[in-house]
Amino acid sequence: MQPNVVAHEPHTALFVSDNNPLVFYSAIADFAAPHLNKDGSIYCEIHENLGNQVSEIFLQNNFTTEIKTDMQGKERMIKAIKP
């Protein structure tokens, strides 16, 4: 992880207690599936190497997904839509 990220982001935003980097995405998808309105969208910032894994979590909860890139072409955001 880049030193500037560690220096300026809260520890709880960067690290999870059980070493599962996808735990928050699972919680978001699980909560959103029954609560989000039809055609509602969720946007999440993602680690550039975890796009496919995060997408799979939302797909398993019946969302459609689209991975977005940043200005450097790195996969940094996911859009999940409840059909």
PDB file of N, CA and C in Angstrom:
ATOM      1  N   MET A   1       0.851  -1.170   0.000  1.00  0.00           N
ATOM      2  CA  MET A   1       0.000   0.000   0.000  1.00  0.00           C
ATOM      3  C   MET A   1       0.900   1.237   0.000  1.00  0.00           C
ATOM      4  N   GLN A   2       0.493   2.218  -0.746  1.00  0.00           N
ATOM      5  CA  GLN A   2       1.290   3.440  -0.860  1.00  0.00           C
ATOM      6  C   GLN A   2       1.400   4.160   0.481  1.00  0.00           C
ATOM      7  N   PRO A   3       2.590   4.672   0.835  1.00  0.00           N
ATOM      8  CA  PRO A   3       2.762   5.370   2.112  1.00  0.00           C
ATOM      9  C   PRO A   3       1.823   6.561   2.296  1.00  0.00           C
ATOM     10  N   ASN A   4       1.522   7.301   1.230  1.00  0.00           N
ATOM     11  CA  ASN A   4       0.633   8.451   1.369  1.00  0.00           C
ATOM     12  C   ASN A   4      -0.789   8.026   1.720  1.00  0.00           C
ATOM     13  N   VAL A   5      -1.204   6.838   1.298  1.00  0.00           N
ATOM     14  CA  VAL A   5      -2.531   6.327   1.646  1.00  0.00           C
ATOM     15  C   VAL A   5      -2.570   5.990   3.133  1.00  0.00           C
ATOM     16  N   VAL A   6      -1.573   5.252   3.597  1.00  0.00           N
ATOM     17  CA  VAL A   6      -1.518   4.853   5.006  1.00  0.00           C
ATOM     18  C   VAL A   6      -1.425   6.081   5.912  1.00  0.00           C
ATOM     19  N   ALA A   7      -0.728   7.106   5.457  1.00  0.00           N
ATOM     20  CA  ALA A   7      -0.527   8.305   6.276  1.00  0.00           C
ATOM     21  C   ALA A   7      -1.795   9.153   6.406  1.00  0.00           C
ATOM     22  N   HIS A   8      -2.701   9.056   5.449  1.00  0.00           N
ATOM     23  CA  HIS A   8      -3.829   9.997   5.439  1.00  0.00           C
ATOM     24  C   HIS A   8      -5.221   9.369   5.522  1.00  0.00           C
ATOM     25  N   GLU A   9      -5.320   8.054   5.460  1.00  0.00           N
ATOM     26  CA  GLU A   9      -6.622   7.393   5.555  1.00  0.00           C
ATOM     27  C   GLU A   9      -6.760   6.742   6.925  1.00  0.00           C
ATOM     28  N   PRO A  10      -7.982   6.682   7.457  1.00  0.00           N
ATOM     29  CA  PRO A  10      -8.188   6.020   8.758  1.00  0.00           C
ATOM     30  C   PRO A  10      -7.831   4.534   8.668  1.00  0.00           C
ATOM     31  N   HIS A  11      -7.228   4.029   9.718  1.00  0.00           N
ATOM     32  CA  HIS A  11      -6.835   2.623   9.775  1.00  0.00           C
ATOM     33  C   HIS A  11      -8.014   1.704   9.477  1.00  0.00           C
ATOM     34  N   THR A  12      -9.178   2.012  10.039  1.00  0.00           N
ATOM     35  CA  THR A  12     -10.353   1.155   9.845  1.00  0.00           C
ATOM     36  C   THR A  12     -10.869   1.176   8.402  1.00  0.00           C
ATOM     37  N   ALA A  13     -10.490   2.190   7.637  1.00  0.00           N
ATOM     38  CA  ALA A  13     -10.891   2.247   6.235  1.00  0.00           C
ATOM     39  C   ALA A  13      -9.967   1.403   5.354  1.00  0.00           C
ATOM     40  N   LEU A  14      -8.800   1.078   5.865  1.00  0.00           N
ATOM     41  CA  LEU A  14      -7.798   0.373   5.062  1.00  0.00           C
ATOM     42  C   LEU A  14      -7.621  -1.092   5.425  1.00  0.00           C
ATOM     43  N   PHE A  15      -7.860  -1.437   6.678  1.00  0.00           N
ATOM     44  CA  PHE A  15      -7.546  -2.780   7.147  1.00  0.00           C
ATOM     45  C   PHE A  15      -8.760  -3.413   7.813  1.00  0.00           C
ATOM     46  N   VAL A  16      -8.922  -4.713   7.602  1.00  0.00           N
ATOM     47  CA  VAL A  16     -10.010  -5.462   8.234  1.00  0.00           C
ATOM     48  C   VAL A  16      -9.421  -6.439   9.231  1.00  0.00           C
ATOM     49  N   SER A  17     -10.197  -6.776  10.241  1.00  0.00           N
ATOM     50  CA  SER A  17      -9.677  -7.609  11.323  1.00  0.00           C
ATOM     51  C   SER A  17      -9.454  -9.059  10.920  1.00  0.00           C
ATOM     52  N   ASP A  18     -10.194  -9.569   9.930  1.00  0.00           N
ATOM     53  CA  ASP A  18     -10.063 -10.987   9.582  1.00  0.00           C
ATOM     54  C   ASP A  18      -9.311 -11.240   8.274  1.00  0.00           C
ATOM     55  N   ASN A  19      -8.635 -10.252   7.756  1.00  0.00           N
ATOM     56  CA  ASN A  19      -7.845 -10.372   6.524  1.00  0.00           C
ATOM     57  C   ASN A  19      -8.677 -10.710   5.286  1.00  0.00           C
ATOM     58  N   ASN A  20      -9.974 -10.429   5.319  1.00  0.00           N
ATOM     59  CA  ASN A  20     -10.835 -10.610   4.153  1.00  0.00           C
ATOM     60  C   ASN A  20     -11.088  -9.234   3.550  1.00  0.00           C
ATOM     61  N   PRO A  21     -10.374  -8.861   2.495  1.00  0.00           N
ATOM     62  CA  PRO A  21     -10.521  -7.510   1.951  1.00  0.00           C
ATOM     63  C   PRO A  21     -11.878  -7.238   1.319  1.00  0.00           C
ATOM     64  N   LEU A  22     -12.710  -8.270   1.171  1.00  0.00           N
ATOM     65  CA  LEU A  22     -14.007  -8.106   0.524  1.00  0.00           C
ATOM     66  C   LEU A  22     -15.163  -8.057   1.512  1.00  0.00           C
ATOM     67  N   VAL A  23     -14.876  -8.083   2.793  1.00  0.00           N
ATOM     68  CA  VAL A  23     -15.922  -8.178   3.817  1.00  0.00           C
ATOM     69  C   VAL A  23     -16.928  -7.024   3.726  1.00  0.00           C
ATOM     70  N   PHE A  24     -16.478  -5.821   3.483  1.00  0.00           N
ATOM     71  CA  PHE A  24     -17.390  -4.680   3.419  1.00  0.00           C
ATOM     72  C   PHE A  24     -18.259  -4.719   2.162  1.00  0.00           C
ATOM     73  N   TYR A  25     -17.699  -5.177   1.048  1.00  0.00           N
ATOM     74  CA  TYR A  25     -18.495  -5.282  -0.173  1.00  0.00           C
ATOM     75  C   TYR A  25     -19.594  -6.321  -0.015  1.00  0.00           C
ATOM     76  N   SER A  26     -19.281  -7.419   0.665  1.00  0.00           N
ATOM     77  CA  SER A  26     -20.296  -8.441   0.937  1.00  0.00           C
ATOM     78  C   SER A  26     -21.423  -7.865   1.793  1.00  0.00           C
ATOM     79  N   ALA A  27     -21.054  -7.107   2.813  1.00  0.00           N
ATOM     80  CA  ALA A  27     -22.064  -6.500   3.689  1.00  0.00           C
ATOM     81  C   ALA A  27     -22.926  -5.496   2.922  1.00  0.00           C
ATOM     82  N   ILE A  28     -22.309  -4.703   2.070  1.00  0.00           N
ATOM     83  CA  ILE A  28     -23.050  -3.714   1.274  1.00  0.00           C
ATOM     84  C   ILE A  28     -24.021  -4.424   0.329  1.00  0.00           C
ATOM     85  N   ALA A  29     -23.541  -5.430  -0.372  1.00  0.00           N
ATOM     86  CA  ALA A  29     -24.398  -6.154  -1.325  1.00  0.00           C
ATOM     87  C   ALA A  29     -25.530  -6.873  -0.604  1.00  0.00           C
ATOM     88  N   ASP A  30     -25.225  -7.508   0.516  1.00  0.00           N
ATOM     89  CA  ASP A  30     -26.252  -8.216   1.285  1.00  0.00           C
ATOM     90  C   ASP A  30     -27.336  -7.258   1.775  1.00  0.00           C
ATOM     91  N   PHE A  31     -26.937  -6.073   2.230  1.00  0.00           N
ATOM     92  CA  PHE A  31     -27.914  -5.102   2.711  1.00  0.00           C
ATOM     93  C   PHE A  31     -28.711  -4.501   1.550  1.00  0.00           C
ATOM     94  N   ALA A  32     -28.029  -4.176   0.469  1.00  0.00           N
ATOM     95  CA  ALA A  32     -28.675  -3.480  -0.636  1.00  0.00           C
ATOM     96  C   ALA A  32     -29.662  -4.352  -1.394  1.00  0.00           C
ATOM     97  N   ALA A  33     -29.383  -5.638  -1.495  1.00  0.00           N
ATOM     98  CA  ALA A  33     -30.246  -6.515  -2.297  1.00  0.00           C
ATOM     99  C   ALA A  33     -31.724  -6.399  -1.911  1.00  0.00           C
ATOM    100  N   PRO A  34     -32.092  -6.474  -0.631  1.00  0.00           N
ATOM    101  CA  PRO A  34     -33.511  -6.344  -0.293  1.00  0.00           C
ATOM    102  C   PRO A  34     -33.978  -4.906  -0.064  1.00  0.00           C
ATOM    103  N   HIS A  35     -33.067  -3.949   0.039  1.00  0.00           N
ATOM    104  CA  HIS A  35     -33.465  -2.587   0.401  1.00  0.00           C
ATOM    105  C   HIS A  35     -33.409  -1.570  -0.738  1.00  0.00           C
ATOM    106  N   LEU A  36     -32.589  -1.803  -1.730  1.00  0.00           N
ATOM    107  CA  LEU A  36     -32.428  -0.841  -2.818  1.00  0.00           C
ATOM    108  C   LEU A  36     -33.606  -0.950  -3.784  1.00  0.00           C
ATOM    109  N   ASN A  37     -34.093   0.189  -4.240  1.00  0.00           N
ATOM    110  CA  ASN A  37     -35.187   0.211  -5.211  1.00  0.00           C
ATOM    111  C   ASN A  37     -34.739  -0.362  -6.550  1.00  0.00           C
ATOM    112  N   LYS A  38     -35.701  -0.830  -7.329  1.00  0.00           N
ATOM    113  CA  LYS A  38     -35.420  -1.310  -8.677  1.00  0.00           C
ATOM    114  C   LYS A  38     -34.714  -0.210  -9.468  1.00  0.00           C
ATOM    115  N   ASP A  39     -33.719  -0.582 -10.210  1.00  0.00           N
ATOM    116  CA  ASP A  39     -32.875   0.324 -11.009  1.00  0.00           C
ATOM    117  C   ASP A  39     -32.010   1.235 -10.146  1.00  0.00           C
ATOM    118  N   GLY A  40     -31.967   0.969  -8.835  1.00  0.00           N
ATOM    119  CA  GLY A  40     -31.083   1.728  -7.957  1.00  0.00           C
ATOM    120  C   GLY A  40     -29.637   1.333  -8.189  1.00  0.00           C
ATOM    121  N   SER A  41     -28.730   2.263  -7.925  1.00  0.00           N
ATOM    122  CA  SER A  41     -27.299   2.036  -8.168  1.00  0.00           C
ATOM    123  C   SER A  41     -26.486   2.181  -6.903  1.00  0.00           C
ATOM    124  N   ILE A  42     -25.410   1.440  -6.862  1.00  0.00           N
ATOM    125  CA  ILE A  42     -24.408   1.546  -5.809  1.00  0.00           C
ATOM    126  C   ILE A  42     -23.076   1.781  -6.498  1.00  0.00           C
ATOM    127  N   TYR A  43     -22.318   2.746  -6.016  1.00  0.00           N
ATOM    128  CA  TYR A  43     -20.968   2.980  -6.497  1.00  0.00           C
ATOM    129  C   TYR A  43     -20.012   2.758  -5.339  1.00  0.00           C
ATOM    130  N   CYS A  44     -18.968   1.958  -5.568  1.00  0.00           N
ATOM    131  CA  CYS A  44     -17.977   1.687  -4.534  1.00  0.00           C
ATOM    132  C   CYS A  44     -16.582   1.880  -5.106  1.00  0.00           C
ATOM    133  N   GLU A  45     -15.725   2.486  -4.316  1.00  0.00           N
ATOM    134  CA  GLU A  45     -14.314   2.528  -4.656  1.00  0.00           C
ATOM    135  C   GLU A  45     -13.743   1.143  -4.399  1.00  0.00           C
ATOM    136  N   ILE A  46     -12.869   0.679  -5.290  1.00  0.00           N
ATOM    137  CA  ILE A  46     -12.289  -0.652  -5.155  1.00  0.00           C
ATOM    138  C   ILE A  46     -10.775  -0.590  -5.303  1.00  0.00           C
ATOM    139  N   HIS A  47     -10.112  -1.617  -4.804  1.00  0.00           N
ATOM    140  CA  HIS A  47      -8.676  -1.767  -5.051  1.00  0.00           C
ATOM    141  C   HIS A  47      -8.502  -2.164  -6.506  1.00  0.00           C
ATOM    142  N   GLU A  48      -7.501  -1.663  -7.139  1.00  0.00           N
ATOM    143  CA  GLU A  48      -7.307  -1.878  -8.568  1.00  0.00           C
ATOM    144  C   GLU A  48      -7.151  -3.354  -8.951  1.00  0.00           C
ATOM    145  N   ASN A  49      -6.798  -4.216  -8.008  1.00  0.00           N
ATOM    146  CA  ASN A  49      -6.621  -5.635  -8.306  1.00  0.00           C
ATOM    147  C   ASN A  49      -7.800  -6.506  -7.876  1.00  0.00           C
ATOM    148  N   LEU A  50      -8.864  -5.914  -7.363  1.00  0.00           N
ATOM    149  CA  LEU A  50      -9.975  -6.700  -6.825  1.00  0.00           C
ATOM    150  C   LEU A  50     -11.296  -6.492  -7.566  1.00  0.00           C
ATOM    151  N   GLY A  51     -11.263  -5.879  -8.713  1.00  0.00           N
ATOM    152  CA  GLY A  51     -12.496  -5.569  -9.439  1.00  0.00           C
ATOM    153  C   GLY A  51     -13.341  -6.780  -9.747  1.00  0.00           C
ATOM    154  N   ASN A  52     -12.731  -7.836 -10.257  1.00  0.00           N
ATOM    155  CA  ASN A  52     -13.511  -9.023 -10.619  1.00  0.00           C
ATOM    156  C   ASN A  52     -14.121  -9.691  -9.392  1.00  0.00           C
ATOM    157  N   GLN A  53     -13.387  -9.732  -8.286  1.00  0.00           N
ATOM    158  CA  GLN A  53     -13.909 -10.343  -7.066  1.00  0.00           C
ATOM    159  C   GLN A  53     -15.066  -9.537  -6.487  1.00  0.00           C
ATOM    160  N   VAL A  54     -14.952  -8.208  -6.503  1.00  0.00           N
ATOM    161  CA  VAL A  54     -16.039  -7.363  -6.006  1.00  0.00           C
ATOM    162  C   VAL A  54     -17.247  -7.487  -6.927  1.00  0.00           C
ATOM    163  N   SER A  55     -17.015  -7.506  -8.213  1.00  0.00           N
ATOM    164  CA  SER A  55     -18.104  -7.679  -9.167  1.00  0.00           C
ATOM    165  C   SER A  55     -18.841  -8.983  -8.897  1.00  0.00           C
ATOM    166  N   GLU A  56     -18.123 -10.048  -8.642  1.00  0.00           N
ATOM    167  CA  GLU A  56     -18.738 -11.356  -8.387  1.00  0.00           C
ATOM    168  C   GLU A  56     -19.655 -11.323  -7.157  1.00  0.00           C
ATOM    169  N   ILE A  57     -19.250 -10.595  -6.128  1.00  0.00           N
ATOM    170  CA  ILE A  57     -20.089 -10.468  -4.927  1.00  0.00           C
ATOM    171  C   ILE A  57     -21.432  -9.843  -5.283  1.00  0.00           C
ATOM    172  N   PHE A  58     -21.403  -8.769  -6.067  1.00  0.00           N
ATOM    173  CA  PHE A  58     -22.663  -8.122  -6.456  1.00  0.00           C
ATOM    174  C   PHE A  58     -23.459  -8.997  -7.426  1.00  0.00           C
ATOM    175  N   LEU A  59     -22.797  -9.682  -8.325  1.00  0.00           N
ATOM    176  CA  LEU A  59     -23.493 -10.576  -9.249  1.00  0.00           C
ATOM    177  C   LEU A  59     -24.214 -11.690  -8.494  1.00  0.00           C
ATOM    178  N   GLN A  60     -23.592 -12.206  -7.454  1.00  0.00           N
ATOM    179  CA  GLN A  60     -24.218 -13.258  -6.642  1.00  0.00           C
ATOM    180  C   GLN A  60     -25.460 -12.746  -5.912  1.00  0.00           C
ATOM    181  N   ASN A  61     -25.556 -11.435  -5.743  1.00  0.00           N
ATOM    182  CA  ASN A  61     -26.731 -10.817  -5.119  1.00  0.00           C
ATOM    183  C   ASN A  61     -27.675 -10.236  -6.162  1.00  0.00           C
ATOM    184  N   ASN A  62     -27.569 -10.731  -7.388  1.00  0.00           N
ATOM    185  CA  ASN A  62     -28.478 -10.388  -8.499  1.00  0.00           C
ATOM    186  C   ASN A  62     -28.373  -8.942  -8.978  1.00  0.00           C
ATOM    187  N   PHE A  63     -27.216  -8.353  -8.865  1.00  0.00           N
ATOM    188  CA  PHE A  63     -26.964  -7.034  -9.432  1.00  0.00           C
ATOM    189  C   PHE A  63     -26.281  -7.203 -10.787  1.00  0.00           C
ATOM    190  N   THR A  64     -26.405  -6.203 -11.632  1.00  0.00           N
ATOM    191  CA  THR A  64     -25.536  -6.115 -12.797  1.00  0.00           C
ATOM    192  C   THR A  64     -24.395  -5.184 -12.392  1.00  0.00           C
ATOM    193  N   THR A  65     -23.234  -5.360 -12.992  1.00  0.00           N
ATOM    194  CA  THR A  65     -22.081  -4.563 -12.575  1.00  0.00           C
ATOM    195  C   THR A  65     -21.335  -3.986 -13.765  1.00  0.00           C
ATOM    196  N   GLU A  66     -20.635  -2.924 -13.473  1.00  0.00           N
ATOM    197  CA  GLU A  66     -19.756  -2.293 -14.453  1.00  0.00           C
ATOM    198  C   GLU A  66     -18.546  -1.765 -13.688  1.00  0.00           C
ATOM    199  N   ILE A  67     -17.369  -2.181 -14.087  1.00  0.00           N
ATOM    200  CA  ILE A  67     -16.142  -1.708 -13.453  1.00  0.00           C
ATOM    201  C   ILE A  67     -15.682  -0.454 -14.185  1.00  0.00           C
ATOM    202  N   LYS A  68     -15.388   0.587 -13.420  1.00  0.00           N
ATOM    203  CA  LYS A  68     -14.973   1.874 -13.982  1.00  0.00           C
ATOM    204  C   LYS A  68     -13.473   2.072 -13.745  1.00  0.00           C
ATOM    205  N   THR A  69     -12.831   2.763 -14.644  1.00  0.00           N
ATOM    206  CA  THR A  69     -11.397   3.048 -14.501  1.00  0.00           C
ATOM    207  C   THR A  69     -11.181   4.509 -14.118  1.00  0.00           C
ATOM    208  N   ASP A  70     -10.018   4.752 -13.489  1.00  0.00           N
ATOM    209  CA  ASP A  70      -9.662   6.123 -13.137  1.00  0.00           C
ATOM    210  C   ASP A  70      -8.898   6.770 -14.295  1.00  0.00           C
ATOM    211  N   MET A  71      -8.371   7.948 -14.084  1.00  0.00           N
ATOM    212  CA  MET A  71      -7.687   8.693 -15.146  1.00  0.00           C
ATOM    213  C   MET A  71      -6.394   8.022 -15.597  1.00  0.00           C
ATOM    214  N   GLN A  72      -5.862   7.113 -14.774  1.00  0.00           N
ATOM    215  CA  GLN A  72      -4.663   6.372 -15.152  1.00  0.00           C
ATOM    216  C   GLN A  72      -4.994   5.015 -15.773  1.00  0.00           C
ATOM    217  N   GLY A  73      -6.284   4.737 -15.968  1.00  0.00           N
ATOM    218  CA  GLY A  73      -6.709   3.490 -16.571  1.00  0.00           C
ATOM    219  C   GLY A  73      -6.777   2.321 -15.610  1.00  0.00           C
ATOM    220  N   LYS A  74      -6.657   2.577 -14.315  1.00  0.00           N
ATOM    221  CA  LYS A  74      -6.732   1.518 -13.307  1.00  0.00           C
ATOM    222  C   LYS A  74      -8.182   1.305 -12.896  1.00  0.00           C
ATOM    223  N   GLU A  75      -8.558   0.051 -12.679  1.00  0.00           N
ATOM    224  CA  GLU A  75      -9.906  -0.263 -12.220  1.00  0.00           C
ATOM    225  C   GLU A  75     -10.041   0.208 -10.774  1.00  0.00           C
ATOM    226  N   ARG A  76     -10.860   1.248 -10.541  1.00  0.00           N
ATOM    227  CA  ARG A  76     -10.918   1.871  -9.219  1.00  0.00           C
ATOM    228  C   ARG A  76     -12.329   2.057  -8.683  1.00  0.00           C
ATOM    229  N   MET A  77     -13.352   1.699  -9.460  1.00  0.00           N
ATOM    230  CA  MET A  77     -14.723   1.891  -9.009  1.00  0.00           C
ATOM    231  C   MET A  77     -15.607   0.820  -9.644  1.00  0.00           C
ATOM    232  N   ILE A  78     -16.623   0.447  -8.911  1.00  0.00           N
ATOM    233  CA  ILE A  78     -17.620  -0.462  -9.457  1.00  0.00           C
ATOM    234  C   ILE A  78     -18.994   0.171  -9.323  1.00  0.00           C
ATOM    235  N   LYS A  79     -19.784  -0.032 -10.354  1.00  0.00           N
ATOM    236  CA  LYS A  79     -21.178   0.401 -10.344  1.00  0.00           C
ATOM    237  C   LYS A  79     -22.024  -0.876 -10.353  1.00  0.00           C
ATOM    238  N   ALA A  80     -22.879  -1.013  -9.358  1.00  0.00           N
ATOM    239  CA  ALA A  80     -23.782  -2.153  -9.283  1.00  0.00           C
ATOM    240  C   ALA A  80     -25.213  -1.650  -9.356  1.00  0.00           C
ATOM    241  N   ILE A  81     -26.003  -2.259 -10.209  1.00  0.00           N
ATOM    242  CA  ILE A  81     -27.385  -1.833 -10.437  1.00  0.00           C
ATOM    243  C   ILE A  81     -28.313  -2.994 -10.107  1.00  0.00           C
ATOM    244  N   LYS A  82     -29.381  -2.679  -9.369  1.00  0.00           N
ATOM    245  CA  LYS A  82     -30.394  -3.674  -9.061  1.00  0.00           C
ATOM    246  C   LYS A  82     -31.430  -3.649 -10.183  1.00  0.00           C
ATOM    247  N   PRO A  83     -31.498  -4.722 -10.957  1.00  0.00           N
ATOM    248  CA  PRO A  83     -32.437  -4.724 -12.102  1.00  0.00           C
ATOM    249  C   PRO A  83     -33.891  -4.828 -11.665  1.00  0.00           C
TER     250      PRO A  83
END
